[in-house]
Amino acid sequence: MQRQPTARDDVPPVDKATFVAAVEILDRELAKAGGVDPPKSLSEAEGSGEAAFAIGKTTAKLPLSEVEGLGLVEATYLVLVSGVTTPLVESGVQVKDTIVSVSVEGTELHESTRALDLAATAERLTAAIKTAEENGVAEIGLELNRLVELRYAEK
């Protein structure tokens, strides 16, 4: 039975300030786990004019054979990718991305994950994986948002 899109589909995208705050939390946690100093705050860098950020949209494929290599963490108002294997990086997924939706090619499954918590996002991913397996599809599609640093081109 096909799931219908949830009421969450009408939730507006996460704003840049919220995304930046979530990435900063993840940066601090990753630095702490790695025993290194955290990087400079993104909001400080943007406020001082050193950098500017925007939210970019991209897509990637998540091979079913690499599902275990995808780490997720819940941050305020969104779920961020916290870990990826080399094959996942090669397929287009990066640490600090947020999954906006999941889909399975050749099926009607297309589910929004915007504004969902970690458990609900994992539920949507699990449903997509199951649908892919049942239909002989080797990967699921991910729509991702990514915080992108904007830079001036060097002359």
N, C-alpha and C. Protein backbone atom coordinates (compact mmCIF):
# COMPACT_ATOMS: atom_id res chain seq x y z
N MET A 1 0.84 -1.18 0.00
CA MET A 1 0.00 0.00 0.00
C MET A 1 0.89 1.24 0.00
N GLN A 2 0.58 2.16 -0.86
CA GLN A 2 1.38 3.37 -1.03
C GLN A 2 1.01 4.42 0.01
N ARG A 3 1.99 5.00 0.61
CA ARG A 3 1.76 6.09 1.56
C ARG A 3 1.40 7.35 0.80
N GLN A 4 0.54 8.12 1.37
CA GLN A 4 0.20 9.42 0.81
C GLN A 4 1.11 10.46 1.44
N PRO A 5 1.41 11.53 0.71
CA PRO A 5 2.22 12.60 1.31
C PRO A 5 1.57 13.08 2.60
N THR A 6 2.40 13.43 3.55
CA THR A 6 1.90 13.86 4.84
C THR A 6 1.60 15.35 4.84
N ALA A 7 0.95 15.79 5.89
CA ALA A 7 0.65 17.22 6.03
C ALA A 7 1.93 18.04 6.13
N ARG A 8 3.05 17.40 6.42
CA ARG A 8 4.32 18.10 6.54
C ARG A 8 4.79 18.68 5.21
N ASP A 9 4.23 18.21 4.10
CA ASP A 9 4.64 18.70 2.78
C ASP A 9 4.39 20.19 2.62
N ASP A 10 3.47 20.75 3.41
CA ASP A 10 3.18 22.17 3.29
C ASP A 10 3.99 23.01 4.28
N VAL A 11 4.91 22.37 4.99
CA VAL A 11 5.77 23.09 5.93
C VAL A 11 6.82 23.85 5.12
N PRO A 12 7.02 25.13 5.41
CA PRO A 12 8.03 25.88 4.65
C PRO A 12 9.43 25.33 4.92
N PRO A 13 10.34 25.54 3.99
CA PRO A 13 11.71 25.07 4.19
C PRO A 13 12.34 25.73 5.42
N VAL A 14 13.33 25.07 5.95
CA VAL A 14 14.06 25.61 7.09
C VAL A 14 14.79 26.86 6.64
N ASP A 15 14.77 27.89 7.46
CA ASP A 15 15.47 29.12 7.08
C ASP A 15 16.97 28.95 7.29
N LYS A 16 17.72 29.85 6.67
CA LYS A 16 19.18 29.76 6.69
C LYS A 16 19.74 29.85 8.11
N ALA A 17 19.20 30.73 8.94
CA ALA A 17 19.72 30.88 10.31
C ALA A 17 19.58 29.59 11.09
N THR A 18 18.46 28.90 10.93
CA THR A 18 18.25 27.64 11.62
C THR A 18 19.22 26.58 11.11
N PHE A 19 19.41 26.54 9.79
CA PHE A 19 20.33 25.58 9.18
C PHE A 19 21.75 25.84 9.67
N VAL A 20 22.17 27.10 9.68
CA VAL A 20 23.51 27.46 10.16
C VAL A 20 23.67 27.04 11.62
N ALA A 21 22.68 27.31 12.45
CA ALA A 21 22.75 26.95 13.87
C ALA A 21 22.89 25.44 14.04
N ALA A 22 22.14 24.66 13.27
CA ALA A 22 22.21 23.20 13.35
C ALA A 22 23.58 22.70 12.92
N VAL A 23 24.12 23.26 11.84
CA VAL A 23 25.45 22.85 11.36
C VAL A 23 26.52 23.20 12.39
N GLU A 24 26.39 24.34 13.04
CA GLU A 24 27.36 24.73 14.07
C GLU A 24 27.33 23.73 15.23
N ILE A 25 26.16 23.28 15.62
CA ILE A 25 26.05 22.28 16.69
C ILE A 25 26.75 21.00 16.26
N LEU A 26 26.50 20.55 15.04
CA LEU A 26 27.14 19.34 14.54
C LEU A 26 28.65 19.53 14.46
N ASP A 27 29.11 20.68 13.99
CA ASP A 27 30.55 20.95 13.93
C ASP A 27 31.19 20.81 15.31
N ARG A 28 30.54 21.40 16.33
CA ARG A 28 31.09 21.31 17.69
C ARG A 28 31.12 19.87 18.19
N GLU A 29 30.06 19.12 17.93
CA GLU A 29 30.00 17.72 18.37
C GLU A 29 31.04 16.86 17.65
N LEU A 30 31.21 17.07 16.36
CA LEU A 30 32.21 16.31 15.60
C LEU A 30 33.62 16.65 16.09
N ALA A 31 33.87 17.92 16.36
CA ALA A 31 35.19 18.32 16.87
C ALA A 31 35.43 17.70 18.24
N LYS A 32 34.43 17.74 19.10
CA LYS A 32 34.55 17.16 20.44
C LYS A 32 34.85 15.66 20.35
N ALA A 33 34.11 14.95 19.47
CA ALA A 33 34.33 13.51 19.30
C ALA A 33 35.71 13.22 18.73
N GLY A 34 36.22 14.13 17.90
CA GLY A 34 37.54 13.95 17.29
C GLY A 34 38.68 14.48 18.13
N GLY A 35 38.35 15.10 19.28
CA GLY A 35 39.38 15.63 20.16
C GLY A 35 40.12 16.83 19.59
N VAL A 36 39.43 17.62 18.75
CA VAL A 36 40.05 18.80 18.15
C VAL A 36 39.23 20.03 18.50
N ASP A 37 39.82 21.20 18.27
CA ASP A 37 39.09 22.44 18.51
C ASP A 37 38.00 22.60 17.44
N PRO A 38 36.85 23.11 17.83
CA PRO A 38 35.79 23.32 16.83
C PRO A 38 36.19 24.42 15.86
N PRO A 39 35.66 24.35 14.62
CA PRO A 39 35.97 25.41 13.66
C PRO A 39 35.29 26.71 14.07
N LYS A 40 35.70 27.79 13.44
CA LYS A 40 35.11 29.10 13.71
C LYS A 40 33.61 29.04 13.43
N SER A 41 32.83 29.70 14.24
CA SER A 41 31.39 29.76 14.08
C SER A 41 31.02 30.31 12.71
N LEU A 42 30.11 29.63 12.02
CA LEU A 42 29.67 30.08 10.70
C LEU A 42 28.95 31.42 10.79
N SER A 43 28.13 31.58 11.84
CA SER A 43 27.39 32.84 11.98
C SER A 43 28.34 33.99 12.27
N GLU A 44 29.42 33.74 13.02
CA GLU A 44 30.43 34.79 13.25
C GLU A 44 31.14 35.14 11.96
N ALA A 45 31.50 34.11 11.18
CA ALA A 45 32.20 34.35 9.91
C ALA A 45 31.31 35.15 8.96
N GLU A 46 30.03 34.83 8.94
CA GLU A 46 29.12 35.55 8.06
C GLU A 46 28.91 36.98 8.58
N GLY A 47 28.76 37.12 9.89
CA GLY A 47 28.55 38.43 10.48
C GLY A 47 29.71 39.37 10.28
N SER A 48 30.93 38.83 10.24
CA SER A 48 32.11 39.67 10.05
C SER A 48 32.42 39.92 8.57
N GLY A 49 31.65 39.29 7.69
CA GLY A 49 31.88 39.48 6.26
C GLY A 49 32.94 38.55 5.68
N GLU A 50 33.46 37.63 6.49
CA GLU A 50 34.47 36.69 6.00
C GLU A 50 33.87 35.67 5.04
N ALA A 51 32.59 35.36 5.24
CA ALA A 51 31.94 34.34 4.42
C ALA A 51 30.45 34.66 4.33
N ALA A 52 29.82 34.07 3.34
CA ALA A 52 28.37 34.16 3.20
C ALA A 52 27.88 32.76 2.86
N PHE A 53 26.68 32.44 3.29
CA PHE A 53 26.15 31.10 3.09
C PHE A 53 24.76 31.16 2.48
N ALA A 54 24.43 30.12 1.73
CA ALA A 54 23.09 29.96 1.16
C ALA A 54 22.72 28.49 1.27
N ILE A 55 21.45 28.21 1.16
CA ILE A 55 20.99 26.82 1.16
C ILE A 55 20.83 26.39 -0.28
N GLY A 56 21.58 25.35 -0.64
CA GLY A 56 21.49 24.80 -1.98
C GLY A 56 20.68 23.51 -1.98
N LYS A 57 20.14 23.17 -3.13
CA LYS A 57 19.34 21.97 -3.29
C LYS A 57 20.05 21.04 -4.27
N THR A 58 20.12 19.75 -3.93
CA THR A 58 20.75 18.78 -4.80
C THR A 58 20.07 17.43 -4.61
N THR A 59 20.44 16.48 -5.44
CA THR A 59 19.91 15.13 -5.31
C THR A 59 21.07 14.14 -5.26
N ALA A 60 20.78 12.99 -4.70
CA ALA A 60 21.79 11.92 -4.62
C ALA A 60 21.06 10.59 -4.62
N LYS A 61 21.80 9.55 -4.90
CA LYS A 61 21.27 8.19 -4.83
C LYS A 61 21.89 7.50 -3.63
N LEU A 62 21.08 6.80 -2.87
CA LEU A 62 21.55 6.04 -1.72
C LEU A 62 21.46 4.56 -2.10
N PRO A 63 22.61 3.95 -2.46
CA PRO A 63 22.58 2.52 -2.80
C PRO A 63 22.16 1.71 -1.57
N LEU A 64 21.30 0.72 -1.78
CA LEU A 64 20.84 -0.09 -0.65
C LEU A 64 22.01 -0.78 0.04
N SER A 65 23.05 -1.08 -0.72
CA SER A 65 24.23 -1.74 -0.14
C SER A 65 25.01 -0.82 0.80
N GLU A 66 24.73 0.48 0.77
CA GLU A 66 25.46 1.45 1.59
C GLU A 66 24.60 2.10 2.68
N VAL A 67 23.40 1.61 2.88
CA VAL A 67 22.48 2.22 3.86
C VAL A 67 23.11 2.30 5.25
N GLU A 68 23.82 1.27 5.64
CA GLU A 68 24.44 1.25 6.97
C GLU A 68 25.51 2.32 7.13
N GLY A 69 26.01 2.86 6.02
CA GLY A 69 27.05 3.88 6.07
C GLY A 69 26.53 5.29 6.22
N LEU A 70 25.20 5.45 6.36
CA LEU A 70 24.60 6.77 6.49
C LEU A 70 24.30 7.04 7.97
N GLY A 71 24.96 8.05 8.52
CA GLY A 71 24.70 8.45 9.90
C GLY A 71 23.83 9.69 9.92
N LEU A 72 22.86 9.73 10.81
CA LEU A 72 21.98 10.88 10.95
C LEU A 72 21.97 11.33 12.40
N VAL A 73 21.77 12.64 12.59
CA VAL A 73 21.67 13.21 13.93
C VAL A 73 20.58 14.27 13.91
N GLU A 74 19.85 14.35 15.01
CA GLU A 74 18.78 15.34 15.10
C GLU A 74 19.33 16.64 15.67
N ALA A 75 19.05 17.72 14.97
CA ALA A 75 19.40 19.05 15.44
C ALA A 75 18.09 19.84 15.54
N THR A 76 18.15 21.02 16.03
CA THR A 76 16.94 21.82 16.18
C THR A 76 16.25 22.00 14.83
N TYR A 77 15.04 21.51 14.71
CA TYR A 77 14.17 21.65 13.55
C TYR A 77 14.60 20.89 12.29
N LEU A 78 15.66 20.11 12.34
CA LEU A 78 16.01 19.32 11.18
C LEU A 78 16.94 18.18 11.56
N VAL A 79 17.05 17.23 10.65
CA VAL A 79 17.93 16.08 10.81
C VAL A 79 19.07 16.25 9.82
N LEU A 80 20.30 16.17 10.33
CA LEU A 80 21.48 16.34 9.48
C LEU A 80 22.19 15.01 9.28
N VAL A 81 22.84 14.87 8.14
CA VAL A 81 23.73 13.74 7.89
C VAL A 81 24.97 13.97 8.74
N SER A 82 25.31 12.98 9.57
CA SER A 82 26.46 13.13 10.46
C SER A 82 27.62 12.22 10.10
N GLY A 83 27.40 11.30 9.18
CA GLY A 83 28.46 10.40 8.77
C GLY A 83 28.12 9.74 7.45
N VAL A 84 29.14 9.55 6.61
CA VAL A 84 28.96 8.91 5.30
C VAL A 84 30.20 8.07 4.98
N THR A 85 29.98 7.00 4.24
CA THR A 85 31.09 6.20 3.74
C THR A 85 31.59 6.82 2.43
N THR A 86 32.75 6.39 1.98
CA THR A 86 33.30 6.90 0.71
C THR A 86 32.33 6.67 -0.45
N PRO A 87 31.71 5.48 -0.57
CA PRO A 87 30.75 5.31 -1.67
C PRO A 87 29.56 6.27 -1.60
N LEU A 88 29.14 6.64 -0.41
CA LEU A 88 28.05 7.61 -0.29
C LEU A 88 28.49 9.00 -0.72
N VAL A 89 29.71 9.38 -0.37
CA VAL A 89 30.25 10.66 -0.83
C VAL A 89 30.29 10.67 -2.36
N GLU A 90 30.73 9.56 -2.94
CA GLU A 90 30.79 9.46 -4.39
C GLU A 90 29.41 9.52 -5.04
N SER A 91 28.38 9.11 -4.29
CA SER A 91 27.01 9.17 -4.84
C SER A 91 26.36 10.53 -4.61
N GLY A 92 27.05 11.43 -3.87
CA GLY A 92 26.55 12.79 -3.73
C GLY A 92 26.08 13.21 -2.35
N VAL A 93 26.22 12.35 -1.35
CA VAL A 93 25.78 12.69 0.01
C VAL A 93 26.98 13.23 0.80
N GLN A 94 26.78 14.32 1.54
CA GLN A 94 27.85 14.90 2.35
C GLN A 94 27.39 15.07 3.80
N VAL A 95 28.36 15.01 4.70
CA VAL A 95 28.08 15.35 6.09
C VAL A 95 27.55 16.78 6.12
N LYS A 96 26.56 17.03 6.93
CA LYS A 96 25.88 18.32 7.12
C LYS A 96 24.73 18.55 6.14
N ASP A 97 24.51 17.63 5.19
CA ASP A 97 23.32 17.72 4.36
C ASP A 97 22.10 17.43 5.22
N THR A 98 20.95 17.88 4.78
CA THR A 98 19.69 17.49 5.40
C THR A 98 18.82 16.88 4.30
N ILE A 99 18.18 15.76 4.62
CA ILE A 99 17.35 15.05 3.65
C ILE A 99 15.98 15.70 3.63
N VAL A 100 15.57 16.16 2.46
CA VAL A 100 14.29 16.85 2.29
C VAL A 100 13.19 15.87 1.88
N SER A 101 13.56 14.87 1.06
CA SER A 101 12.60 13.86 0.66
C SER A 101 13.32 12.60 0.20
N VAL A 102 12.57 11.50 0.18
CA VAL A 102 13.07 10.22 -0.31
C VAL A 102 12.11 9.72 -1.38
N SER A 103 12.65 8.98 -2.35
CA SER A 103 11.82 8.44 -3.42
C SER A 103 12.44 7.15 -3.92
N VAL A 104 11.62 6.38 -4.64
CA VAL A 104 12.10 5.15 -5.27
C VAL A 104 11.67 5.20 -6.73
N GLU A 105 12.66 5.19 -7.62
CA GLU A 105 12.39 5.27 -9.05
C GLU A 105 11.53 4.09 -9.50
N GLY A 106 10.57 4.40 -10.37
CA GLY A 106 9.70 3.35 -10.89
C GLY A 106 8.53 3.01 -9.99
N THR A 107 8.40 3.72 -8.88
CA THR A 107 7.28 3.51 -7.96
C THR A 107 6.64 4.87 -7.68
N GLU A 108 5.55 4.84 -6.97
CA GLU A 108 4.89 6.08 -6.59
C GLU A 108 5.42 6.66 -5.28
N LEU A 109 6.38 5.99 -4.67
CA LEU A 109 6.87 6.46 -3.38
C LEU A 109 7.70 7.73 -3.54
N HIS A 110 7.23 8.78 -2.96
CA HIS A 110 7.95 10.05 -2.85
C HIS A 110 7.46 10.69 -1.55
N GLU A 111 8.32 10.68 -0.53
CA GLU A 111 7.93 11.14 0.80
C GLU A 111 8.77 12.32 1.26
N SER A 112 8.12 13.32 1.75
CA SER A 112 8.81 14.47 2.33
C SER A 112 9.33 14.10 3.71
N THR A 113 10.50 14.62 4.03
CA THR A 113 11.04 14.46 5.39
C THR A 113 11.27 15.82 6.05
N ARG A 114 10.77 16.88 5.41
CA ARG A 114 10.94 18.22 5.96
C ARG A 114 10.26 18.34 7.31
N ALA A 115 10.94 18.96 8.25
CA ALA A 115 10.42 19.26 9.58
C ALA A 115 10.07 18.02 10.38
N LEU A 116 10.63 16.87 10.02
CA LEU A 116 10.40 15.65 10.78
C LEU A 116 11.55 15.43 11.75
N ASP A 117 11.27 14.74 12.84
CA ASP A 117 12.33 14.40 13.78
C ASP A 117 13.09 13.17 13.26
N LEU A 118 14.09 12.76 14.01
CA LEU A 118 14.96 11.66 13.58
C LEU A 118 14.17 10.37 13.39
N ALA A 119 13.28 10.04 14.33
CA ALA A 119 12.51 8.80 14.24
C ALA A 119 11.62 8.78 13.00
N ALA A 120 10.95 9.89 12.73
CA ALA A 120 10.06 9.95 11.56
C ALA A 120 10.86 9.93 10.26
N THR A 121 12.01 10.58 10.24
CA THR A 121 12.88 10.55 9.05
C THR A 121 13.36 9.12 8.80
N ALA A 122 13.79 8.44 9.87
CA ALA A 122 14.23 7.05 9.74
C ALA A 122 13.09 6.16 9.25
N GLU A 123 11.88 6.44 9.70
CA GLU A 123 10.72 5.68 9.25
C GLU A 123 10.51 5.85 7.74
N ARG A 124 10.65 7.07 7.25
CA ARG A 124 10.50 7.34 5.81
C ARG A 124 11.61 6.64 5.01
N LEU A 125 12.83 6.70 5.52
CA LEU A 125 13.94 6.01 4.85
C LEU A 125 13.70 4.51 4.82
N THR A 126 13.24 3.95 5.92
CA THR A 126 12.98 2.52 6.01
C THR A 126 11.88 2.12 5.01
N ALA A 127 10.83 2.92 4.90
CA ALA A 127 9.75 2.64 3.95
C ALA A 127 10.29 2.67 2.52
N ALA A 128 11.16 3.62 2.22
CA ALA A 128 11.74 3.72 0.88
C ALA A 128 12.63 2.51 0.59
N ILE A 129 13.42 2.10 1.57
CA ILE A 129 14.29 0.93 1.40
C ILE A 129 13.46 -0.32 1.14
N LYS A 130 12.41 -0.50 1.92
CA LYS A 130 11.53 -1.66 1.76
C LYS A 130 10.88 -1.65 0.38
N THR A 131 10.39 -0.49 -0.05
CA THR A 131 9.77 -0.37 -1.38
C THR A 131 10.78 -0.69 -2.47
N ALA A 132 12.00 -0.18 -2.34
CA ALA A 132 13.04 -0.46 -3.33
C ALA A 132 13.32 -1.97 -3.39
N GLU A 133 13.48 -2.59 -2.24
CA GLU A 133 13.75 -4.04 -2.20
C GLU A 133 12.61 -4.83 -2.84
N GLU A 134 11.37 -4.47 -2.53
CA GLU A 134 10.20 -5.17 -3.07
C GLU A 134 10.07 -5.01 -4.58
N ASN A 135 10.63 -3.93 -5.11
CA ASN A 135 10.51 -3.65 -6.55
C ASN A 135 11.81 -3.89 -7.31
N GLY A 136 12.80 -4.49 -6.66
CA GLY A 136 14.05 -4.81 -7.33
C GLY A 136 14.86 -3.59 -7.73
N VAL A 137 14.71 -2.49 -6.98
CA VAL A 137 15.45 -1.26 -7.25
C VAL A 137 16.66 -1.23 -6.31
N ALA A 138 17.83 -0.94 -6.84
CA ALA A 138 19.07 -1.03 -6.06
C ALA A 138 19.41 0.20 -5.24
N GLU A 139 18.62 1.28 -5.37
CA GLU A 139 18.95 2.52 -4.66
C GLU A 139 17.69 3.33 -4.43
N ILE A 140 17.78 4.24 -3.48
CA ILE A 140 16.68 5.18 -3.27
C ILE A 140 17.19 6.58 -3.59
N GLY A 141 16.27 7.43 -4.02
CA GLY A 141 16.63 8.80 -4.35
C GLY A 141 16.49 9.69 -3.13
N LEU A 142 17.42 10.61 -2.98
CA LEU A 142 17.38 11.58 -1.89
C LEU A 142 17.38 12.98 -2.48
N GLU A 143 16.50 13.81 -1.99
CA GLU A 143 16.58 15.24 -2.27
C GLU A 143 17.21 15.85 -1.03
N LEU A 144 18.26 16.61 -1.22
CA LEU A 144 19.05 17.14 -0.11
C LEU A 144 19.10 18.66 -0.14
N ASN A 145 19.19 19.24 1.03
CA ASN A 145 19.57 20.65 1.15
C ASN A 145 20.97 20.67 1.74
N ARG A 146 21.75 21.62 1.27
CA ARG A 146 23.15 21.71 1.70
C ARG A 146 23.48 23.17 1.94
N LEU A 147 24.16 23.44 3.05
CA LEU A 147 24.64 24.79 3.33
C LEU A 147 25.88 25.02 2.47
N VAL A 148 25.82 26.03 1.63
CA VAL A 148 26.89 26.29 0.66
C VAL A 148 27.56 27.61 1.01
N GLU A 149 28.88 27.58 1.09
CA GLU A 149 29.63 28.82 1.31
C GLU A 149 29.78 29.54 -0.01
N LEU A 150 29.42 30.81 -0.02
CA LEU A 150 29.54 31.62 -1.23
C LEU A 150 30.86 32.40 -1.16
N ARG A 151 31.57 32.40 -2.27
CA ARG A 151 32.85 33.10 -2.34
C ARG A 151 32.94 33.89 -3.63
N TYR A 152 33.68 34.97 -3.55
CA TYR A 152 33.97 35.72 -4.76
C TYR A 152 35.06 34.98 -5.52
N ALA A 153 34.95 35.00 -6.84
CA ALA A 153 35.99 34.39 -7.67
C ALA A 153 37.25 35.22 -7.56
N GLU A 154 38.38 34.54 -7.50
CA GLU A 154 39.66 35.26 -7.46
C GLU A 154 39.97 35.80 -8.83
N LYS A 155 40.57 37.00 -8.86
CA LYS A 155 40.88 37.64 -10.14
C LYS A 155 42.15 37.12 -10.71
